[in-house]
């Protein structure tokens, strides 16, 4: 059962404790992502978002790649904390990769030169909206997720492993699964410090 819009956004949290014991089908997960890809807005209706969903062996491989890459950067001596974090992501059911098609962005820059410098910004904004829609969609069916950014360190190997076009720029990774740990209370700054209303 899917939660209502406000409840979903309110309850969406960062889950680091996840496992592979999800109770919904791969088809339902695919539907959530397809919905986000189709209906999330983008500047000039450019539809620059590209998404890759990994599960099973592919999901495990992603976090093996990330672990191996980070070990080269961090070194063995102080890697235990990093490995623990990688293992927590790998313990999940799958990962959504968020990418942006830079060829589309470049084409728009050429077509609309007056806005050229804004198109990469708008592309990132569109990616952020896709991330929230997918995250909320997963929350709505009882799954937990977090948003990670191990790009650009893993970009080349990820593209090679899954034959991802060179012009697709990796923006974020979202491991997801069945929640096993409830996040702590979230603190909110006073709304009057964060918004204004005028008539």
N, C-alpha and C. Protein backbone atom coordinates (compact mmCIF):
# COMPACT_ATOMS: atom_id res chain seq x y z
N UNK A 1 0.84 -1.18 0.00
CA UNK A 1 0.00 0.00 0.00
C UNK A 1 0.88 1.25 0.00
N UNK A 2 0.56 2.19 -0.86
CA UNK A 2 1.34 3.41 -0.97
C UNK A 2 0.78 4.48 -0.03
N UNK A 3 1.67 5.19 0.67
CA UNK A 3 1.27 6.25 1.58
C UNK A 3 0.85 7.49 0.79
N UNK A 4 0.13 8.41 1.47
CA UNK A 4 -0.23 9.65 0.79
C UNK A 4 1.00 10.55 0.66
N UNK A 5 0.90 11.56 -0.19
CA UNK A 5 2.03 12.41 -0.57
C UNK A 5 2.71 13.05 0.63
N UNK A 6 1.95 13.72 1.49
CA UNK A 6 2.55 14.43 2.62
C UNK A 6 3.18 13.46 3.62
N UNK A 7 2.51 12.36 3.89
CA UNK A 7 3.07 11.38 4.81
C UNK A 7 4.37 10.80 4.28
N UNK A 8 4.39 10.54 2.99
CA UNK A 8 5.60 9.99 2.37
C UNK A 8 6.77 10.95 2.52
N UNK A 9 6.55 12.22 2.22
CA UNK A 9 7.64 13.19 2.33
C UNK A 9 8.07 13.37 3.79
N UNK A 10 7.10 13.37 4.70
CA UNK A 10 7.40 13.54 6.12
C UNK A 10 8.22 12.37 6.66
N UNK A 11 7.89 11.16 6.21
CA UNK A 11 8.54 9.97 6.75
C UNK A 11 9.79 9.55 5.98
N UNK A 12 10.04 10.19 4.84
CA UNK A 12 11.25 9.87 4.09
C UNK A 12 12.48 10.26 4.90
N UNK A 13 13.35 9.31 5.12
CA UNK A 13 14.54 9.54 5.93
C UNK A 13 15.73 8.85 5.29
N UNK A 14 16.91 9.10 5.84
CA UNK A 14 18.12 8.40 5.42
C UNK A 14 18.25 7.13 6.25
N UNK A 15 18.21 5.99 5.55
CA UNK A 15 18.35 4.69 6.22
C UNK A 15 19.70 4.08 5.87
N UNK A 16 20.54 3.92 6.90
CA UNK A 16 21.81 3.23 6.70
C UNK A 16 21.69 1.74 7.03
N UNK A 17 20.73 1.39 7.85
CA UNK A 17 20.50 -0.02 8.18
C UNK A 17 19.45 -0.59 7.25
N UNK A 18 19.89 -1.37 6.26
CA UNK A 18 18.97 -1.99 5.29
C UNK A 18 19.43 -3.42 5.01
N UNK A 19 18.50 -4.26 4.56
CA UNK A 19 18.88 -5.60 4.13
C UNK A 19 18.14 -5.97 2.85
N UNK A 20 18.34 -7.19 2.39
CA UNK A 20 17.82 -7.63 1.10
C UNK A 20 16.40 -8.21 1.17
N UNK A 21 15.81 -8.22 2.35
CA UNK A 21 14.52 -8.89 2.55
C UNK A 21 13.34 -7.97 2.21
N UNK A 22 13.28 -7.51 0.97
CA UNK A 22 12.19 -6.61 0.56
C UNK A 22 10.94 -7.43 0.27
N UNK A 23 9.79 -6.77 0.46
CA UNK A 23 8.51 -7.47 0.31
C UNK A 23 7.76 -7.03 -0.95
N UNK A 24 8.40 -6.28 -1.81
CA UNK A 24 7.76 -5.88 -3.06
C UNK A 24 8.58 -6.44 -4.23
N UNK A 25 7.94 -6.52 -5.38
CA UNK A 25 8.58 -7.16 -6.54
C UNK A 25 9.53 -6.21 -7.26
N UNK A 26 10.41 -6.81 -8.05
CA UNK A 26 11.30 -6.02 -8.91
C UNK A 26 10.48 -5.17 -9.87
N UNK A 27 9.36 -5.69 -10.31
CA UNK A 27 8.50 -4.95 -11.24
C UNK A 27 7.96 -3.69 -10.58
N UNK A 28 7.59 -3.79 -9.31
CA UNK A 28 7.09 -2.60 -8.59
C UNK A 28 8.19 -1.56 -8.43
N UNK A 29 9.38 -2.00 -8.13
CA UNK A 29 10.52 -1.07 -8.02
C UNK A 29 10.75 -0.39 -9.36
N UNK A 30 10.71 -1.17 -10.43
CA UNK A 30 10.87 -0.62 -11.77
C UNK A 30 9.79 0.41 -12.07
N UNK A 31 8.55 0.14 -11.68
CA UNK A 31 7.44 1.08 -11.90
C UNK A 31 7.68 2.40 -11.20
N UNK A 32 8.21 2.35 -9.97
CA UNK A 32 8.49 3.57 -9.21
C UNK A 32 9.52 4.43 -9.96
N UNK A 33 10.57 3.78 -10.43
CA UNK A 33 11.62 4.51 -11.13
C UNK A 33 11.12 5.03 -12.47
N UNK A 34 10.37 4.22 -13.18
CA UNK A 34 9.82 4.66 -14.47
C UNK A 34 8.90 5.86 -14.29
N UNK A 35 8.11 5.86 -13.22
CA UNK A 35 7.23 6.99 -12.93
C UNK A 35 8.05 8.26 -12.75
N UNK A 36 9.14 8.15 -11.98
CA UNK A 36 10.01 9.30 -11.75
C UNK A 36 10.62 9.81 -13.05
N UNK A 37 11.10 8.90 -13.86
CA UNK A 37 11.74 9.29 -15.12
C UNK A 37 10.74 9.99 -16.04
N UNK A 38 9.51 9.49 -16.07
CA UNK A 38 8.52 10.04 -16.99
C UNK A 38 7.92 11.36 -16.52
N UNK A 39 7.65 11.50 -15.23
CA UNK A 39 6.85 12.63 -14.77
C UNK A 39 7.61 13.72 -14.01
N UNK A 40 8.86 13.50 -13.66
CA UNK A 40 9.62 14.54 -12.97
C UNK A 40 9.99 15.64 -13.97
N UNK A 41 9.75 16.91 -13.62
CA UNK A 41 10.00 17.98 -14.59
C UNK A 41 11.48 18.26 -14.81
N UNK A 42 11.76 18.93 -15.93
CA UNK A 42 13.13 19.36 -16.26
C UNK A 42 13.03 20.64 -17.08
N UNK A 43 14.06 21.47 -16.99
CA UNK A 43 14.07 22.74 -17.71
C UNK A 43 13.94 22.50 -19.21
N UNK A 44 13.09 23.29 -19.85
CA UNK A 44 12.86 23.19 -21.30
C UNK A 44 12.35 21.81 -21.69
N UNK A 45 11.79 21.07 -20.71
CA UNK A 45 11.39 19.68 -20.92
C UNK A 45 12.53 18.88 -21.56
N UNK A 46 13.74 19.17 -21.10
CA UNK A 46 14.94 18.58 -21.71
C UNK A 46 15.10 17.10 -21.42
N UNK A 47 14.49 16.61 -20.33
CA UNK A 47 14.52 15.19 -19.99
C UNK A 47 15.94 14.63 -20.00
N UNK A 48 16.82 15.32 -19.27
CA UNK A 48 18.24 14.95 -19.24
C UNK A 48 18.55 13.78 -18.31
N UNK A 49 17.61 13.44 -17.43
CA UNK A 49 17.88 12.40 -16.43
C UNK A 49 18.03 11.03 -17.08
N UNK A 50 18.99 10.29 -16.60
CA UNK A 50 19.21 8.90 -16.99
C UNK A 50 19.36 8.11 -15.70
N UNK A 51 18.66 7.01 -15.59
CA UNK A 51 18.70 6.22 -14.35
C UNK A 51 19.00 4.77 -14.66
N UNK A 52 19.84 4.18 -13.82
CA UNK A 52 20.20 2.76 -13.92
C UNK A 52 19.83 2.12 -12.59
N UNK A 53 19.10 1.02 -12.63
CA UNK A 53 18.72 0.29 -11.42
C UNK A 53 19.52 -1.00 -11.35
N UNK A 54 20.22 -1.18 -10.25
CA UNK A 54 21.04 -2.38 -10.04
C UNK A 54 20.46 -3.19 -8.89
N UNK A 55 20.38 -4.49 -9.06
CA UNK A 55 19.99 -5.37 -7.95
C UNK A 55 20.77 -6.67 -8.09
N UNK A 56 20.62 -7.54 -7.10
CA UNK A 56 21.32 -8.82 -7.15
C UNK A 56 22.82 -8.66 -7.27
N UNK A 57 23.41 -9.44 -8.16
CA UNK A 57 24.86 -9.43 -8.34
C UNK A 57 25.37 -8.06 -8.81
N UNK A 58 24.57 -7.37 -9.61
CA UNK A 58 24.99 -6.06 -10.11
C UNK A 58 25.10 -5.05 -8.97
N UNK A 59 24.13 -5.07 -8.06
CA UNK A 59 24.17 -4.19 -6.87
C UNK A 59 25.41 -4.51 -6.03
N UNK A 60 25.66 -5.79 -5.77
CA UNK A 60 26.84 -6.18 -4.99
C UNK A 60 28.12 -5.72 -5.68
N UNK A 61 28.17 -5.87 -6.98
CA UNK A 61 29.36 -5.48 -7.75
C UNK A 61 29.64 -3.99 -7.61
N UNK A 62 28.59 -3.16 -7.63
CA UNK A 62 28.80 -1.72 -7.49
C UNK A 62 29.54 -1.40 -6.20
N UNK A 63 29.12 -2.01 -5.10
CA UNK A 63 29.74 -1.67 -3.83
C UNK A 63 31.09 -2.34 -3.66
N UNK A 64 31.35 -3.43 -4.38
CA UNK A 64 32.71 -3.99 -4.45
C UNK A 64 33.63 -3.03 -5.19
N UNK A 65 33.15 -2.50 -6.31
CA UNK A 65 33.91 -1.52 -7.08
C UNK A 65 34.23 -0.30 -6.22
N UNK A 66 33.21 0.18 -5.52
CA UNK A 66 33.40 1.37 -4.69
C UNK A 66 34.39 1.10 -3.57
N UNK A 67 34.29 -0.06 -2.93
CA UNK A 67 35.22 -0.43 -1.86
C UNK A 67 36.65 -0.49 -2.37
N UNK A 68 36.83 -1.16 -3.50
CA UNK A 68 38.18 -1.31 -4.06
C UNK A 68 38.77 0.04 -4.45
N UNK A 69 37.92 0.90 -5.02
CA UNK A 69 38.39 2.22 -5.44
C UNK A 69 38.78 3.06 -4.22
N UNK A 70 37.95 3.05 -3.19
CA UNK A 70 38.24 3.85 -2.00
C UNK A 70 39.45 3.32 -1.24
N UNK A 71 39.64 1.99 -1.27
CA UNK A 71 40.81 1.42 -0.59
C UNK A 71 42.11 1.96 -1.19
N UNK A 72 42.11 2.17 -2.51
CA UNK A 72 43.29 2.74 -3.17
C UNK A 72 43.53 4.18 -2.73
N UNK A 73 42.46 4.88 -2.40
CA UNK A 73 42.58 6.28 -1.99
C UNK A 73 42.91 6.39 -0.50
N UNK A 74 42.18 5.62 0.32
CA UNK A 74 42.31 5.72 1.78
C UNK A 74 43.49 4.91 2.30
N UNK A 75 43.73 3.75 1.72
CA UNK A 75 44.78 2.87 2.21
C UNK A 75 44.23 1.86 3.21
N UNK A 76 44.95 0.77 3.41
CA UNK A 76 44.47 -0.32 4.27
C UNK A 76 44.45 0.04 5.75
N UNK A 77 45.40 0.87 6.19
CA UNK A 77 45.59 1.10 7.62
C UNK A 77 44.37 1.69 8.31
N UNK A 78 43.64 2.57 7.65
CA UNK A 78 42.49 3.21 8.29
C UNK A 78 41.22 3.01 7.46
N UNK A 79 41.06 1.82 6.91
CA UNK A 79 39.95 1.55 6.00
C UNK A 79 38.75 0.89 6.68
N UNK A 80 38.89 0.47 7.92
CA UNK A 80 37.83 -0.33 8.54
C UNK A 80 36.50 0.41 8.61
N UNK A 81 36.52 1.69 8.94
CA UNK A 81 35.28 2.46 9.01
C UNK A 81 34.62 2.60 7.65
N UNK A 82 35.45 2.84 6.64
CA UNK A 82 34.95 2.96 5.27
C UNK A 82 34.38 1.63 4.80
N UNK A 83 35.08 0.53 5.11
CA UNK A 83 34.59 -0.79 4.69
C UNK A 83 33.26 -1.12 5.36
N UNK A 84 33.11 -0.72 6.61
CA UNK A 84 31.85 -0.96 7.32
C UNK A 84 30.71 -0.22 6.61
N UNK A 85 30.98 1.00 6.17
CA UNK A 85 29.95 1.77 5.47
C UNK A 85 29.62 1.12 4.13
N UNK A 86 30.64 0.67 3.39
CA UNK A 86 30.42 0.01 2.11
C UNK A 86 29.60 -1.27 2.29
N UNK A 87 29.92 -2.01 3.36
CA UNK A 87 29.19 -3.24 3.64
C UNK A 87 27.72 -2.96 3.96
N UNK A 88 27.45 -1.83 4.62
CA UNK A 88 26.07 -1.49 4.95
C UNK A 88 25.27 -1.19 3.69
N UNK A 89 25.90 -0.58 2.70
CA UNK A 89 25.21 -0.32 1.44
C UNK A 89 25.00 -1.63 0.66
N UNK A 90 26.03 -2.44 0.64
CA UNK A 90 25.96 -3.72 -0.07
C UNK A 90 24.91 -4.64 0.56
N UNK A 91 24.66 -4.49 1.85
CA UNK A 91 23.67 -5.33 2.54
C UNK A 91 22.25 -5.07 2.03
N UNK A 92 22.04 -3.95 1.33
CA UNK A 92 20.73 -3.62 0.80
C UNK A 92 20.34 -4.48 -0.40
N UNK A 93 19.17 -4.21 -0.91
CA UNK A 93 18.61 -4.99 -2.01
C UNK A 93 19.08 -4.50 -3.38
N UNK A 94 19.23 -3.19 -3.51
CA UNK A 94 19.60 -2.65 -4.81
C UNK A 94 20.12 -1.23 -4.69
N UNK A 95 20.52 -0.68 -5.82
CA UNK A 95 21.00 0.70 -5.87
C UNK A 95 20.47 1.36 -7.13
N UNK A 96 20.01 2.59 -6.98
CA UNK A 96 19.61 3.39 -8.13
C UNK A 96 20.75 4.36 -8.43
N UNK A 97 21.21 4.35 -9.67
CA UNK A 97 22.23 5.30 -10.11
C UNK A 97 21.55 6.45 -10.83
N UNK A 98 21.85 7.66 -10.43
CA UNK A 98 21.30 8.85 -11.07
C UNK A 98 22.38 9.48 -11.94
N UNK A 99 22.06 9.66 -13.21
CA UNK A 99 23.00 10.23 -14.16
C UNK A 99 22.30 11.33 -14.95
N UNK A 100 23.09 12.18 -15.60
CA UNK A 100 22.56 13.23 -16.46
C UNK A 100 23.24 13.13 -17.81
N UNK A 101 22.47 13.29 -18.88
CA UNK A 101 22.99 13.18 -20.24
C UNK A 101 23.61 14.52 -20.65
N UNK A 102 24.93 14.58 -20.62
CA UNK A 102 25.64 15.82 -20.93
C UNK A 102 25.54 16.20 -22.39
N UNK A 103 25.26 15.24 -23.26
CA UNK A 103 25.09 15.55 -24.68
C UNK A 103 23.84 16.41 -24.88
N UNK A 104 22.79 16.10 -24.14
CA UNK A 104 21.57 16.90 -24.22
C UNK A 104 21.82 18.30 -23.67
N UNK A 105 22.53 18.38 -22.56
CA UNK A 105 22.86 19.67 -21.96
C UNK A 105 23.67 20.52 -22.93
N UNK A 106 24.66 19.93 -23.55
CA UNK A 106 25.49 20.66 -24.51
C UNK A 106 24.67 21.13 -25.71
N UNK A 107 23.78 20.29 -26.20
CA UNK A 107 22.93 20.66 -27.32
C UNK A 107 22.06 21.86 -26.98
N UNK A 108 21.51 21.87 -25.78
CA UNK A 108 20.69 23.00 -25.34
C UNK A 108 21.52 24.27 -25.19
N UNK A 109 22.75 24.13 -24.72
CA UNK A 109 23.63 25.29 -24.61
C UNK A 109 23.90 25.91 -25.98
N UNK A 110 24.02 25.05 -26.98
CA UNK A 110 24.26 25.54 -28.34
C UNK A 110 23.00 26.17 -28.93
N UNK A 111 21.84 25.59 -28.65
CA UNK A 111 20.58 26.10 -29.19
C UNK A 111 20.15 27.41 -28.54
N UNK A 112 20.42 27.52 -27.24
CA UNK A 112 19.96 28.68 -26.48
C UNK A 112 21.16 29.32 -25.78
N UNK A 113 22.00 29.97 -26.57
CA UNK A 113 23.27 30.49 -26.06
C UNK A 113 23.09 31.47 -24.91
N UNK A 114 22.01 32.22 -24.90
CA UNK A 114 21.78 33.21 -23.84
C UNK A 114 21.66 32.54 -22.46
N UNK A 115 21.26 31.27 -22.44
CA UNK A 115 21.09 30.55 -21.18
C UNK A 115 22.17 29.50 -20.97
N UNK A 116 23.21 29.53 -21.79
CA UNK A 116 24.19 28.44 -21.82
C UNK A 116 24.73 28.08 -20.44
N UNK A 117 25.08 29.07 -19.66
CA UNK A 117 25.70 28.77 -18.37
C UNK A 117 24.71 28.18 -17.36
N UNK A 118 23.42 28.33 -17.63
CA UNK A 118 22.41 27.83 -16.71
C UNK A 118 22.05 26.37 -16.92
N UNK A 119 22.27 25.85 -18.13
CA UNK A 119 21.81 24.49 -18.40
C UNK A 119 22.46 23.42 -17.51
N UNK A 120 23.77 23.50 -17.20
CA UNK A 120 24.32 22.51 -16.25
C UNK A 120 23.69 22.63 -14.86
N UNK A 121 23.36 23.86 -14.45
CA UNK A 121 22.71 24.06 -13.16
C UNK A 121 21.32 23.44 -13.18
N UNK A 122 20.57 23.73 -14.24
CA UNK A 122 19.22 23.19 -14.35
C UNK A 122 19.24 21.66 -14.44
N UNK A 123 20.26 21.14 -15.08
CA UNK A 123 20.41 19.68 -15.18
C UNK A 123 20.57 19.07 -13.78
N UNK A 124 21.40 19.69 -12.96
CA UNK A 124 21.60 19.20 -11.59
C UNK A 124 20.33 19.33 -10.76
N UNK A 125 19.59 20.43 -10.99
CA UNK A 125 18.33 20.60 -10.28
C UNK A 125 17.34 19.50 -10.66
N UNK A 126 17.28 19.18 -11.95
CA UNK A 126 16.40 18.10 -12.40
C UNK A 126 16.79 16.77 -11.78
N UNK A 127 18.10 16.52 -11.68
CA UNK A 127 18.56 15.29 -11.05
C UNK A 127 18.12 15.23 -9.59
N UNK A 128 18.24 16.36 -8.89
CA UNK A 128 17.80 16.41 -7.50
C UNK A 128 16.33 16.08 -7.36
N UNK A 129 15.51 16.59 -8.29
CA UNK A 129 14.08 16.29 -8.24
C UNK A 129 13.84 14.80 -8.50
N UNK A 130 14.56 14.22 -9.44
CA UNK A 130 14.42 12.78 -9.70
C UNK A 130 14.81 11.97 -8.46
N UNK A 131 15.86 12.40 -7.79
CA UNK A 131 16.31 11.70 -6.59
C UNK A 131 15.22 11.71 -5.53
N UNK A 132 14.59 12.87 -5.32
CA UNK A 132 13.54 12.96 -4.32
C UNK A 132 12.33 12.12 -4.70
N UNK A 133 11.93 12.16 -5.97
CA UNK A 133 10.76 11.40 -6.39
C UNK A 133 10.99 9.90 -6.20
N UNK A 134 12.17 9.42 -6.59
CA UNK A 134 12.49 7.99 -6.41
C UNK A 134 12.56 7.65 -4.93
N UNK A 135 13.23 8.49 -4.16
CA UNK A 135 13.39 8.26 -2.72
C UNK A 135 12.04 8.19 -2.04
N UNK A 136 11.17 9.17 -2.37
CA UNK A 136 9.83 9.18 -1.79
C UNK A 136 9.01 7.97 -2.26
N UNK A 137 9.19 7.60 -3.52
CA UNK A 137 8.49 6.43 -4.04
C UNK A 137 8.88 5.16 -3.32
N UNK A 138 10.16 5.01 -3.03
CA UNK A 138 10.63 3.84 -2.29
C UNK A 138 10.12 3.87 -0.86
N UNK A 139 10.14 5.06 -0.24
CA UNK A 139 9.59 5.22 1.11
C UNK A 139 8.11 4.84 1.14
N UNK A 140 7.39 5.24 0.10
CA UNK A 140 5.96 5.01 0.03
C UNK A 140 5.56 3.55 0.03
N UNK A 141 6.47 2.68 -0.38
CA UNK A 141 6.17 1.24 -0.37
C UNK A 141 6.94 0.51 0.73
N UNK A 142 7.47 1.30 1.69
CA UNK A 142 8.08 0.69 2.86
C UNK A 142 9.55 0.38 2.77
N UNK A 143 10.23 0.90 1.76
CA UNK A 143 11.66 0.65 1.63
C UNK A 143 12.46 1.83 2.19
N UNK A 144 13.66 1.55 2.65
CA UNK A 144 14.55 2.58 3.16
C UNK A 144 15.69 2.81 2.19
N UNK A 145 16.17 4.06 2.13
CA UNK A 145 17.24 4.40 1.19
C UNK A 145 18.12 5.50 1.77
N UNK A 146 19.25 5.70 1.14
CA UNK A 146 20.11 6.84 1.46
C UNK A 146 20.70 7.34 0.15
N UNK A 147 21.22 8.55 0.18
CA UNK A 147 21.80 9.14 -1.03
C UNK A 147 23.30 9.27 -0.85
N UNK A 148 24.06 8.71 -1.78
CA UNK A 148 25.52 8.69 -1.69
C UNK A 148 26.14 9.35 -2.92
N UNK A 149 27.40 9.79 -2.76
CA UNK A 149 28.09 10.48 -3.86
C UNK A 149 29.55 10.02 -3.91
N UNK A 150 29.78 8.88 -4.54
CA UNK A 150 31.14 8.38 -4.69
C UNK A 150 31.69 8.67 -6.08
N UNK A 151 30.97 9.46 -6.82
CA UNK A 151 31.45 9.96 -8.09
C UNK A 151 32.30 11.21 -7.81
N UNK A 152 33.32 11.51 -8.59
CA UNK A 152 33.70 10.84 -9.84
C UNK A 152 34.67 9.67 -9.66
N UNK A 153 34.98 9.30 -8.42
CA UNK A 153 35.98 8.26 -8.20
C UNK A 153 35.64 6.95 -8.90
N UNK A 154 34.34 6.59 -8.94
CA UNK A 154 33.95 5.29 -9.48
C UNK A 154 33.41 5.38 -10.91
N UNK A 155 33.37 6.58 -11.48
CA UNK A 155 32.69 6.79 -12.77
C UNK A 155 33.17 5.86 -13.88
N UNK A 156 34.47 5.83 -14.10
CA UNK A 156 35.00 5.09 -15.25
C UNK A 156 34.70 3.60 -15.15
N UNK A 157 34.91 3.04 -13.96
CA UNK A 157 34.69 1.59 -13.81
C UNK A 157 33.20 1.25 -13.89
N UNK A 158 32.35 2.11 -13.36
CA UNK A 158 30.91 1.89 -13.43
C UNK A 158 30.45 1.91 -14.88
N UNK A 159 30.91 2.90 -15.64
CA UNK A 159 30.53 2.99 -17.05
C UNK A 159 31.01 1.77 -17.83
N UNK A 160 32.20 1.32 -17.53
CA UNK A 160 32.75 0.15 -18.22
C UNK A 160 31.97 -1.12 -17.85
N UNK A 161 31.67 -1.30 -16.58
CA UNK A 161 31.00 -2.51 -16.09
C UNK A 161 29.60 -2.68 -16.69
N UNK A 162 28.86 -1.56 -16.82
CA UNK A 162 27.48 -1.67 -17.29
C UNK A 162 27.25 -1.00 -18.64
N UNK A 163 28.34 -0.75 -19.36
CA UNK A 163 28.25 -0.22 -20.72
C UNK A 163 27.40 1.06 -20.77
N UNK A 164 27.69 1.97 -19.86
CA UNK A 164 26.97 3.23 -19.77
C UNK A 164 27.64 4.24 -20.70
N UNK A 165 26.88 4.95 -21.53
CA UNK A 165 27.47 5.90 -22.47
C UNK A 165 28.35 6.94 -21.79
N UNK A 166 29.41 7.34 -22.47
CA UNK A 166 30.35 8.31 -21.91
C UNK A 166 29.70 9.64 -21.57
N UNK A 167 28.66 10.01 -22.32
CA UNK A 167 28.03 11.30 -22.09
C UNK A 167 27.02 11.29 -20.93
N UNK A 168 26.84 10.14 -20.28
CA UNK A 168 25.99 10.08 -19.10
C UNK A 168 26.86 10.33 -17.88
N UNK A 169 26.65 11.44 -17.20
CA UNK A 169 27.47 11.82 -16.05
C UNK A 169 26.82 11.30 -14.76
N UNK A 170 27.59 10.55 -13.98
CA UNK A 170 27.09 10.01 -12.72
C UNK A 170 26.96 11.13 -11.69
N UNK A 171 25.79 11.23 -11.08
CA UNK A 171 25.51 12.29 -10.12
C UNK A 171 25.40 11.75 -8.69
N UNK A 172 24.73 10.61 -8.52
CA UNK A 172 24.50 10.09 -7.17
C UNK A 172 24.15 8.61 -7.22
N UNK A 173 24.29 7.97 -6.06
CA UNK A 173 23.94 6.56 -5.91
C UNK A 173 22.98 6.43 -4.73
N UNK A 174 21.92 5.65 -4.90
CA UNK A 174 20.91 5.48 -3.84
C UNK A 174 20.73 4.01 -3.50
N UNK A 175 21.49 3.50 -2.52
CA UNK A 175 21.26 2.13 -2.07
C UNK A 175 19.93 2.05 -1.30
N UNK A 176 19.19 0.96 -1.52
CA UNK A 176 17.89 0.82 -0.87
C UNK A 176 17.66 -0.63 -0.47
N UNK A 177 16.74 -0.81 0.46
CA UNK A 177 16.40 -2.15 0.90
C UNK A 177 15.36 -2.11 2.00
N UNK A 178 15.19 -3.23 2.66
CA UNK A 178 14.28 -3.32 3.78
C UNK A 178 14.92 -2.65 4.99
N UNK A 179 14.25 -1.66 5.61
CA UNK A 179 14.84 -0.97 6.76
C UNK A 179 15.03 -1.90 7.95
N UNK A 180 16.20 -1.82 8.58
CA UNK A 180 16.47 -2.64 9.76
C UNK A 180 16.76 -1.79 11.00
N UNK A 181 17.01 -0.50 10.80
CA UNK A 181 17.30 0.41 11.91
C UNK A 181 16.45 1.67 11.72
N UNK A 182 15.78 2.09 12.78
CA UNK A 182 14.97 3.31 12.70
C UNK A 182 15.87 4.52 12.91
N UNK A 183 15.82 5.50 12.00
CA UNK A 183 16.64 6.71 12.18
C UNK A 183 16.23 7.46 13.44
N UNK A 184 17.16 8.24 13.99
CA UNK A 184 16.87 9.04 15.17
C UNK A 184 15.95 10.21 14.83
N UNK A 185 15.56 10.95 15.85
CA UNK A 185 14.71 12.11 15.65
C UNK A 185 15.41 13.13 14.77
N UNK A 186 14.64 13.76 13.90
CA UNK A 186 15.20 14.78 13.01
C UNK A 186 14.90 16.15 13.60
N UNK A 187 15.92 17.01 13.64
CA UNK A 187 15.74 18.36 14.16
C UNK A 187 15.39 19.32 13.03
N UNK A 188 14.52 20.27 13.32
CA UNK A 188 14.10 21.25 12.32
C UNK A 188 14.36 22.66 12.85
N UNK A 189 14.99 23.48 12.03
CA UNK A 189 15.15 24.88 12.38
C UNK A 189 13.78 25.55 12.30
N UNK A 190 13.56 26.61 13.07
CA UNK A 190 12.25 27.27 13.04
C UNK A 190 11.87 27.72 11.64
N UNK A 191 10.63 27.47 11.26
CA UNK A 191 10.17 27.81 9.91
C UNK A 191 10.25 29.30 9.63
N UNK A 192 10.06 30.13 10.66
CA UNK A 192 10.12 31.58 10.43
C UNK A 192 11.51 32.05 10.04
N UNK A 193 12.53 31.23 10.30
CA UNK A 193 13.89 31.56 9.86
C UNK A 193 14.13 31.10 8.42
N UNK A 194 13.21 30.28 7.89
CA UNK A 194 13.48 29.62 6.61
C UNK A 194 12.53 30.02 5.50
N UNK A 195 11.47 30.75 5.84
CA UNK A 195 10.55 31.17 4.79
C UNK A 195 9.86 32.48 5.15
N UNK A 196 9.40 33.17 4.13
CA UNK A 196 8.66 34.42 4.32
C UNK A 196 7.42 34.37 3.44
N UNK A 197 6.35 35.00 3.91
CA UNK A 197 5.10 35.06 3.14
C UNK A 197 4.67 36.52 3.07
N UNK A 198 4.37 36.99 1.87
CA UNK A 198 3.94 38.38 1.67
C UNK A 198 2.60 38.41 0.93
N UNK A 199 1.80 39.43 1.20
CA UNK A 199 0.54 39.65 0.49
C UNK A 199 0.56 41.01 -0.17
